[in-house]
Amino acid sequence: MGCKSADPADAPASPLAMTPGVAHNFMVQQLGNNSLHVIDVRTTREFNDGHIEGARHIDWFTQSQELLALNKTDTYIVYCHSGNRSQKAAAFMRENGFKRVINMTGGIQAWRATMPSLTPSPQDNVMN
């Protein structure tokens, strides 16, 4: 008769989180790796105002179901403006079977405060 508690091992793990500097360095290390993808979950207007070079745009508010069509075995760095939407999108992906999902904390706002450009480059090698 009591409540049966859920086994924590059955719950999907939380997405990893990386600062923009660490995410940048990871992107640079993975240049040429076709299984690493950068996903921008901001609105179309936000995306068009500037995005990380090579990022794929999937608006969290209107296209979130499109995330489910992505390859679940690839690695994804997800970002938004400040980190809230991307955290939700990354958690949604983990809950739906994606194993390697990274939320870029602070979003594009923190990237711009850290990085000199929107193009990942070995010349901008930083750790923060």
Protein backbone atom coordinates (compact mmCIF):
# COMPACT_ATOMS: atom_id res chain seq x y z
CA MET A 1 0.00 0.00 0.00
CA GLY A 2 2.56 2.86 0.14
CA CYS A 3 4.06 4.94 -2.54
CA LYS A 4 6.65 3.30 -4.68
CA SER A 5 9.48 5.70 -5.37
CA ALA A 6 10.89 5.90 -8.85
CA ASP A 7 14.34 4.48 -9.42
CA PRO A 8 16.70 7.43 -10.07
CA ALA A 9 18.60 5.23 -12.55
CA ASP A 10 15.50 5.21 -14.75
CA ALA A 11 15.39 9.00 -14.99
CA PRO A 12 17.20 10.64 -17.90
CA ALA A 13 20.41 12.34 -16.88
CA SER A 14 20.48 16.10 -16.88
CA PRO A 15 22.14 17.67 -19.88
CA LEU A 16 25.74 18.74 -19.48
CA ALA A 17 26.39 22.44 -19.17
CA MET A 18 29.34 24.38 -20.60
CA THR A 19 30.31 28.01 -20.44
CA PRO A 20 30.73 29.70 -23.83
CA GLY A 21 34.53 29.59 -23.54
CA VAL A 22 34.59 25.86 -22.86
CA ALA A 23 31.93 25.24 -25.54
CA HIS A 24 34.00 27.26 -28.02
CA ASN A 25 37.13 25.23 -27.26
CA PHE A 26 35.14 22.01 -27.62
CA MET A 27 33.81 23.18 -31.01
CA VAL A 28 37.33 24.02 -32.17
CA GLN A 29 38.65 20.63 -31.02
CA GLN A 30 35.82 18.95 -32.93
CA LEU A 31 36.22 20.88 -36.22
CA GLY A 32 35.53 18.41 -39.01
CA ASN A 33 33.53 16.09 -36.73
CA ASN A 34 30.23 15.70 -38.57
CA SER A 35 28.50 14.28 -35.49
CA LEU A 36 28.83 17.55 -33.50
CA HIS A 37 26.01 20.03 -34.09
CA VAL A 38 25.31 23.48 -32.69
CA ILE A 39 21.60 24.21 -32.27
CA ASP A 40 20.25 27.75 -31.82
CA VAL A 41 16.77 27.60 -30.24
CA ARG A 42 16.05 31.34 -30.37
CA THR A 43 13.36 32.97 -32.51
CA THR A 44 13.97 33.63 -36.20
CA ARG A 45 14.46 37.32 -35.53
CA GLU A 46 17.04 36.62 -32.82
CA PHE A 47 18.81 34.11 -35.07
CA ASN A 48 18.93 36.59 -37.95
CA ASP A 49 20.42 39.23 -35.63
CA GLY A 50 23.51 37.02 -35.33
CA HIS A 51 24.31 33.42 -34.51
CA ILE A 52 27.30 31.17 -34.01
CA GLU A 53 28.66 30.24 -37.43
CA GLY A 54 27.38 26.84 -38.53
CA ALA A 55 24.53 26.76 -36.01
CA ARG A 56 21.26 25.17 -37.06
CA HIS A 57 18.16 27.17 -36.20
CA ILE A 58 15.27 25.36 -34.49
CA ASP A 59 12.95 27.81 -32.71
CA TRP A 60 12.08 26.35 -29.30
CA PHE A 61 8.71 28.13 -29.23
CA THR A 62 7.44 27.03 -32.65
CA GLN A 63 9.60 24.12 -33.83
CA SER A 64 10.58 22.15 -30.72
CA GLN A 65 9.23 18.89 -32.16
CA GLU A 66 11.84 19.16 -34.94
CA LEU A 67 14.48 18.38 -32.33
CA LEU A 68 13.09 14.84 -32.16
CA ALA A 69 14.00 14.24 -35.82
CA LEU A 70 17.71 14.74 -35.11
CA ASN A 71 20.11 11.80 -34.82
CA LYS A 72 20.01 10.71 -31.18
CA THR A 73 23.57 9.35 -31.27
CA ASP A 74 25.19 12.66 -32.32
CA THR A 75 26.45 15.37 -29.96
CA TYR A 76 24.59 18.68 -29.64
CA ILE A 77 25.51 22.04 -28.14
CA VAL A 78 22.28 23.95 -27.61
CA TYR A 79 22.09 27.69 -26.96
CA CYS A 80 19.62 30.57 -26.84
CA HIS A 81 19.83 34.21 -25.72
CA SER A 82 20.56 33.74 -22.01
CA GLY A 83 20.45 30.00 -21.35
CA ASN A 84 16.84 29.43 -20.22
CA ARG A 85 15.31 28.13 -23.45
CA SER A 86 18.39 26.11 -24.29
CA GLN A 87 18.31 24.45 -20.87
CA LYS A 88 14.68 23.47 -21.48
CA ALA A 89 15.45 22.28 -25.01
CA ALA A 90 18.45 20.26 -23.83
CA ALA A 91 16.39 18.66 -21.04
CA PHE A 92 13.63 17.87 -23.58
CA MET A 93 16.19 16.18 -25.81
CA ARG A 94 17.61 14.12 -22.92
CA GLU A 95 14.09 13.08 -21.89
CA ASN A 96 13.55 11.87 -25.45
CA GLY A 97 16.61 9.64 -25.66
CA PHE A 98 19.45 11.92 -26.77
CA LYS A 99 22.62 10.91 -24.94
CA ARG A 100 25.06 13.74 -25.70
CA VAL A 101 23.40 17.11 -25.20
CA ILE A 102 25.22 20.16 -23.87
CA ASN A 103 23.53 23.37 -22.75
CA MET A 104 25.70 26.43 -23.35
CA THR A 105 25.16 28.45 -20.18
CA GLY A 106 24.52 32.15 -20.55
CA GLY A 107 23.57 31.77 -24.22
CA ILE A 108 24.67 34.02 -27.05
CA GLN A 109 24.70 36.92 -24.60
CA ALA A 110 27.54 35.28 -22.63
CA TRP A 111 29.25 34.13 -25.86
CA ARG A 112 29.39 37.73 -27.12
CA ALA A 113 30.78 38.90 -23.77
CA THR A 114 33.49 36.20 -23.95
CA MET A 115 34.34 35.74 -27.62
CA PRO A 116 35.50 38.33 -30.15
CA SER A 117 33.38 36.84 -32.97
CA LEU A 118 30.57 34.42 -33.75
CA THR A 119 32.99 32.15 -35.63
CA PRO A 120 34.63 29.40 -33.56
CA SER A 121 38.36 29.79 -34.21
CA PRO A 122 41.56 28.34 -32.70
CA GLN A 123 42.81 31.93 -32.49
CA ASP A 124 40.15 32.59 -29.83
CA ASN A 125 41.19 29.72 -27.56
CA VAL A 126 39.82 30.60 -24.12
CA MET A 127 38.83 28.81 -20.96
CA ASN A 128 36.21 30.24 -18.63
